[in-house]
Amino acid sequence: MLVLVYSMNCYTFTYNMITM
């Protein structure tokens, strides 16, 4: 579960970096 949350946070961070 913790790994899934970490993966989602990493994905969100990457998405934000790309969209900025």
PDB file of N, CA and C in Angstrom:
ATOM      1  N   MET A   1       0.831  -1.209   0.000  1.00  0.00           N
ATOM      2  CA  MET A   1       0.000   0.000   0.000  1.00  0.00           C
ATOM      3  C   MET A   1       0.869   1.264   0.000  1.00  0.00           C
ATOM      4  N   LEU A   2       1.851   1.279   0.859  1.00  0.00           N
ATOM      5  CA  LEU A   2       2.715   2.453   0.970  1.00  0.00           C
ATOM      6  C   LEU A   2       3.442   2.712  -0.349  1.00  0.00           C
ATOM      7  N   VAL A   3       3.831   1.635  -1.013  1.00  0.00           N
ATOM      8  CA  VAL A   3       4.525   1.767  -2.300  1.00  0.00           C
ATOM      9  C   VAL A   3       3.600   2.402  -3.332  1.00  0.00           C
ATOM     10  N   LEU A   4       2.329   2.024  -3.298  1.00  0.00           N
ATOM     11  CA  LEU A   4       1.351   2.565  -4.243  1.00  0.00           C
ATOM     12  C   LEU A   4       1.189   4.063  -4.038  1.00  0.00           C
ATOM     13  N   VAL A   5       1.093   4.480  -2.785  1.00  0.00           N
ATOM     14  CA  VAL A   5       0.953   5.904  -2.467  1.00  0.00           C
ATOM     15  C   VAL A   5       2.186   6.662  -2.940  1.00  0.00           C
ATOM     16  N   TYR A   6       3.353   6.092  -2.713  1.00  0.00           N
ATOM     17  CA  TYR A   6       4.595   6.736  -3.131  1.00  0.00           C
ATOM     18  C   TYR A   6       4.642   6.871  -4.653  1.00  0.00           C
ATOM     19  N   SER A   7       4.202   5.842  -5.348  1.00  0.00           N
ATOM     20  CA  SER A   7       4.195   5.865  -6.809  1.00  0.00           C
ATOM     21  C   SER A   7       3.257   6.946  -7.332  1.00  0.00           C
ATOM     22  N   MET A   8       2.106   7.071  -6.714  1.00  0.00           N
ATOM     23  CA  MET A   8       1.145   8.088  -7.133  1.00  0.00           C
ATOM     24  C   MET A   8       1.698   9.491  -6.901  1.00  0.00           C
ATOM     25  N   ASN A   9       2.371   9.694  -5.790  1.00  0.00           N
ATOM     26  CA  ASN A   9       2.962  10.993  -5.495  1.00  0.00           C
ATOM     27  C   ASN A   9       4.042  11.321  -6.514  1.00  0.00           C
ATOM     28  N   CYS A  10       4.847  10.326  -6.861  1.00  0.00           N
ATOM     29  CA  CYS A  10       5.917  10.522  -7.835  1.00  0.00           C
ATOM     30  C   CYS A  10       5.307  10.859  -9.196  1.00  0.00           C
ATOM     31  N   TYR A  11       4.248  10.157  -9.564  1.00  0.00           N
ATOM     32  CA  TYR A  11       3.574  10.398 -10.831  1.00  0.00           C
ATOM     33  C   TYR A  11       2.981  11.806 -10.878  1.00  0.00           C
ATOM     34  N   THR A  12       2.352  12.205  -9.801  1.00  0.00           N
ATOM     35  CA  THR A  12       1.754  13.541  -9.727  1.00  0.00           C
ATOM     36  C   THR A  12       2.822  14.613  -9.834  1.00  0.00           C
ATOM     37  N   PHE A  13       3.932  14.403  -9.152  1.00  0.00           N
ATOM     38  CA  PHE A  13       5.023  15.365  -9.181  1.00  0.00           C
ATOM     39  C   PHE A  13       5.570  15.511 -10.601  1.00  0.00           C
ATOM     40  N   THR A  14       5.774  14.390 -11.264  1.00  0.00           N
ATOM     41  CA  THR A  14       6.289  14.403 -12.635  1.00  0.00           C
ATOM     42  C   THR A  14       5.300  15.095 -13.566  1.00  0.00           C
ATOM     43  N   TYR A  15       4.015  14.799 -13.388  1.00  0.00           N
ATOM     44  CA  TYR A  15       2.976  15.410 -14.216  1.00  0.00           C
ATOM     45  C   TYR A  15       2.968  16.924 -14.037  1.00  0.00           C
ATOM     46  N   ASN A  16       3.099  17.378 -12.806  1.00  0.00           N
ATOM     47  CA  ASN A  16       3.116  18.816 -12.527  1.00  0.00           C
ATOM     48  C   ASN A  16       4.333  19.476 -13.167  1.00  0.00           C
ATOM     49  N   MET A  17       5.469  18.819 -13.114  1.00  0.00           N
ATOM     50  CA  MET A  17       6.692  19.367 -13.702  1.00  0.00           C
ATOM     51  C   MET A  17       6.539  19.509 -15.213  1.00  0.00           C
ATOM     52  N   ILE A  18       5.893  18.528 -15.839  1.00  0.00           N
ATOM     53  CA  ILE A  18       5.710  18.547 -17.293  1.00  0.00           C
ATOM     54  C   ILE A  18       4.722  19.636 -17.704  1.00  0.00           C
ATOM     55  N   THR A  19       3.658  19.791 -16.940  1.00  0.00           N
ATOM     56  CA  THR A  19       2.616  20.749 -17.317  1.00  0.00           C
ATOM     57  C   THR A  19       3.007  22.197 -17.039  1.00  0.00           C
ATOM     58  N   MET A  20       3.936  22.413 -16.144  1.00  0.00           N
ATOM     59  CA  MET A  20       4.346  23.780 -15.827  1.00  0.00           C
ATOM     60  C   MET A  20       5.140  24.388 -16.983  1.00  0.00           C
TER      61      MET A  20
END
